[in-house]
Protein backbone atom coordinates (compact mmCIF):
# COMPACT_ATOMS: atom_id res chain seq x y z
CA MET A 1 0.00 0.00 0.00
CA ALA A 2 1.43 3.38 -1.04
CA GLN A 3 1.71 6.00 1.64
CA THR A 4 3.22 9.44 2.13
CA LEU A 5 4.81 10.67 5.38
CA ILE A 6 4.44 14.39 6.08
CA ALA A 7 4.47 16.81 9.00
CA GLU A 8 1.18 16.85 10.91
CA LYS A 9 -1.15 19.73 10.05
CA PRO A 10 -4.41 20.96 11.65
CA GLU A 11 -6.47 19.39 8.86
CA HIS A 12 -5.20 15.96 9.95
CA ALA A 13 -6.75 16.23 13.44
CA GLU A 14 -9.91 14.21 12.72
CA GLY A 15 -7.98 11.48 10.89
CA VAL A 16 -5.39 11.28 13.68
CA GLU A 17 -8.12 10.88 16.30
CA HIS A 18 -9.71 8.13 14.20
CA VAL A 19 -6.41 6.22 13.96
CA LEU A 20 -5.70 6.63 17.68
CA GLU A 21 -9.18 5.40 18.58
CA ARG A 22 -8.91 2.37 16.27
CA ALA A 23 -5.39 1.51 17.46
CA PHE A 24 -5.80 2.06 21.23
CA GLY A 25 -9.45 2.64 22.10
CA PRO A 26 -10.41 4.72 25.12
CA GLY A 27 -7.71 3.09 27.26
CA ARG A 28 -5.13 5.37 25.70
CA PHE A 29 -6.12 8.15 28.11
CA ALA A 30 -5.18 6.00 31.13
CA LYS A 31 -1.52 5.61 30.10
CA THR A 32 1.16 7.30 32.20
CA SER A 33 2.63 8.90 29.07
CA GLU A 34 -0.66 10.78 28.72
CA ARG A 35 0.07 12.45 32.10
CA VAL A 36 3.21 14.02 30.60
CA ARG A 37 1.15 15.51 27.78
CA GLU A 38 -1.64 16.66 30.12
CA ARG A 39 0.83 18.39 32.42
CA GLY A 40 2.14 20.77 29.83
CA ALA A 41 4.42 19.03 27.35
CA VAL A 42 4.32 21.17 24.20
CA PHE A 43 3.06 19.52 21.01
CA GLU A 44 5.37 19.96 18.02
CA PRO A 45 3.31 19.34 14.84
CA GLY A 46 6.22 20.31 12.59
CA LEU A 47 8.29 17.46 14.06
CA SER A 48 5.37 15.00 14.25
CA ARG A 49 4.52 12.87 11.24
CA VAL A 50 1.37 11.43 9.73
CA ALA A 51 1.12 8.71 7.10
CA LEU A 52 -1.43 9.28 4.36
CA ASN A 53 -2.72 6.59 2.03
CA ALA A 54 -3.18 7.14 -1.72
CA ALA A 55 -6.60 8.70 -1.03
CA GLY A 56 -5.04 11.23 1.38
CA GLU A 57 -6.52 9.62 4.50
CA VAL A 58 -4.51 9.46 7.73
CA ILE A 59 -3.46 5.86 8.37
CA GLY A 60 -0.67 6.47 10.89
CA VAL A 61 0.69 9.06 13.30
CA CYS A 62 3.78 9.61 15.40
CA ARG A 63 3.73 12.69 17.62
CA ILE A 64 6.58 14.66 19.16
CA TRP A 65 6.32 16.84 22.27
CA ARG A 66 8.79 19.19 23.95
CA ALA A 67 9.44 18.28 27.56
CA GLU A 68 12.36 18.27 29.96
CA ALA A 69 14.12 16.01 32.43
CA GLY A 70 17.08 18.00 33.70
CA GLN A 71 17.43 19.51 30.23
CA PRO A 72 15.17 19.93 27.20
CA VAL A 73 14.18 16.65 25.58
CA TYR A 74 11.66 15.46 23.02
CA PHE A 75 8.96 13.01 24.09
CA LEU A 76 7.70 10.65 21.38
CA GLY A 77 4.16 9.38 21.38
CA PRO A 78 1.60 8.34 20.73
CA LEU A 79 2.65 6.20 17.78
CA ALA A 80 -0.29 4.52 16.08
CA VAL A 81 -1.02 2.83 12.79
CA ASP A 82 -4.54 1.99 11.69
CA PRO A 83 -5.08 -1.76 12.28
CA ASP A 84 -5.76 -2.24 8.55
CA ALA A 85 -2.29 -0.84 7.71
CA GLN A 86 -0.22 -2.58 10.42
CA SER A 87 2.61 -5.11 9.99
CA GLY A 88 4.10 -3.42 6.92
CA GLY A 89 6.78 -1.35 8.64
CA LEU A 90 4.80 1.89 8.67
CA GLY A 91 5.17 2.41 12.43
CA LEU A 92 8.95 2.13 12.23
CA ALA A 93 9.03 4.45 9.20
CA LEU A 94 7.02 7.06 11.15
CA VAL A 95 9.40 6.82 14.13
CA GLN A 96 12.45 7.15 11.88
CA ALA A 97 10.94 10.20 10.17
CA CYS A 98 10.28 11.86 13.54
CA VAL A 99 13.80 11.10 14.76
CA ALA A 100 15.24 12.63 11.59
CA ALA A 101 13.08 15.75 12.00
CA CYS A 102 14.16 16.18 15.64
CA ARG A 103 17.81 15.68 14.73
CA ALA A 104 17.53 18.21 11.88
CA VAL A 105 16.40 20.99 14.26
CA GLY A 106 19.26 20.29 16.66
CA GLY A 107 17.47 18.45 19.45
CA GLY A 108 19.54 16.66 22.08
CA ALA A 109 17.53 13.51 22.77
CA ILE A 110 14.20 11.72 22.52
CA VAL A 111 12.52 9.75 25.32
CA LEU A 112 9.56 7.38 24.88
CA VAL A 113 7.62 4.61 26.55
CA GLY A 114 7.44 1.48 24.41
CA ALA A 115 8.72 -1.98 23.58
CA GLU A 116 12.49 -2.05 23.16
CA LYS A 117 12.17 -4.83 20.56
CA PHE A 118 10.10 -2.52 18.33
CA PHE A 119 12.05 0.72 18.87
CA ALA A 120 15.63 -0.66 18.89
CA PRO A 121 15.84 -0.72 15.06
CA ALA A 122 15.21 3.05 15.16
CA GLY A 123 18.14 3.53 17.56
CA PHE A 124 16.40 3.52 20.96
CA THR A 125 17.86 1.84 24.05
CA ARG A 126 16.64 1.36 27.59
CA VAL A 127 17.09 4.26 29.98
CA PRO A 128 19.31 3.19 32.90
CA ASP A 129 17.20 2.54 36.00
CA GLY A 130 16.55 5.66 38.03
CA ARG A 131 17.71 8.22 35.44
CA VAL A 132 14.26 9.29 34.18
CA SER A 133 10.79 8.90 35.64
CA LEU A 134 7.28 9.75 34.53
CA PRO A 135 4.41 11.18 36.59
CA GLY A 136 2.89 7.79 37.32
CA PRO A 137 3.71 4.09 37.18
CA THR A 138 5.96 3.06 34.30
CA ASP A 139 7.61 -0.27 33.58
CA PRO A 140 11.33 0.67 33.59
CA ALA A 141 11.99 -1.83 30.80
CA ARG A 142 9.71 0.24 28.54
CA LEU A 143 11.39 3.61 29.18
CA LEU A 144 13.65 4.21 26.17
CA TRP A 145 15.80 7.01 24.83
CA GLN A 146 18.09 8.05 22.00
CA ALA A 147 20.73 10.75 21.70
CA LEU A 148 20.30 13.00 18.68
CA ARG A 149 23.83 14.37 18.98
CA PRO A 150 26.98 13.45 20.92
CA GLY A 151 26.41 14.04 24.65
CA GLY A 152 22.66 14.43 24.13
CA LEU A 153 21.84 12.07 27.00
CA ASP A 154 24.49 13.26 29.47
CA LYS A 155 22.35 15.66 31.53
CA ILE A 156 18.97 14.00 31.18
CA GLU A 157 17.77 13.10 34.65
CA GLY A 158 14.64 13.32 36.79
CA GLU A 159 10.94 13.40 36.07
CA LEU A 160 9.81 14.01 32.52
CA ARG A 161 7.69 17.17 32.68
CA ALA A 162 6.62 20.31 30.91
CA PRO A 163 9.44 22.45 29.54
CA ARG A 164 10.28 25.69 31.32
């Protein structure tokens, strides 16, 4: 299936919500990562990516937020692909496009909550225990990060929260 990856725009909002609902259902609002967004992380549509099918419909999304944990950091998520478009590598392609966009603007690092097996091919590794926390329960094995430049992870420490 042909798809195009582009920066998220306001006109994608309805399609993004549809994909998120189909991929996660209402349980997505109970996730700890949602607390980071609710508490003031700043959405970055220009660094976020949507996947559009040949008809121009949103079939995937990967969002980027500005946050901080001892220093400014990007927070990735949610990542969702419509169930009808899954298993073809689109999720990984969306993540890689977001990482490239963040690197291009000079960001230091990206943090996310997810399965290391899925995100490792995009360059993510597990955060050492105790370095970063979220405002709520988080499985430490699912807390991942990636430096976008040399030394990008050096000063990241503490609770992931809204940027100052």
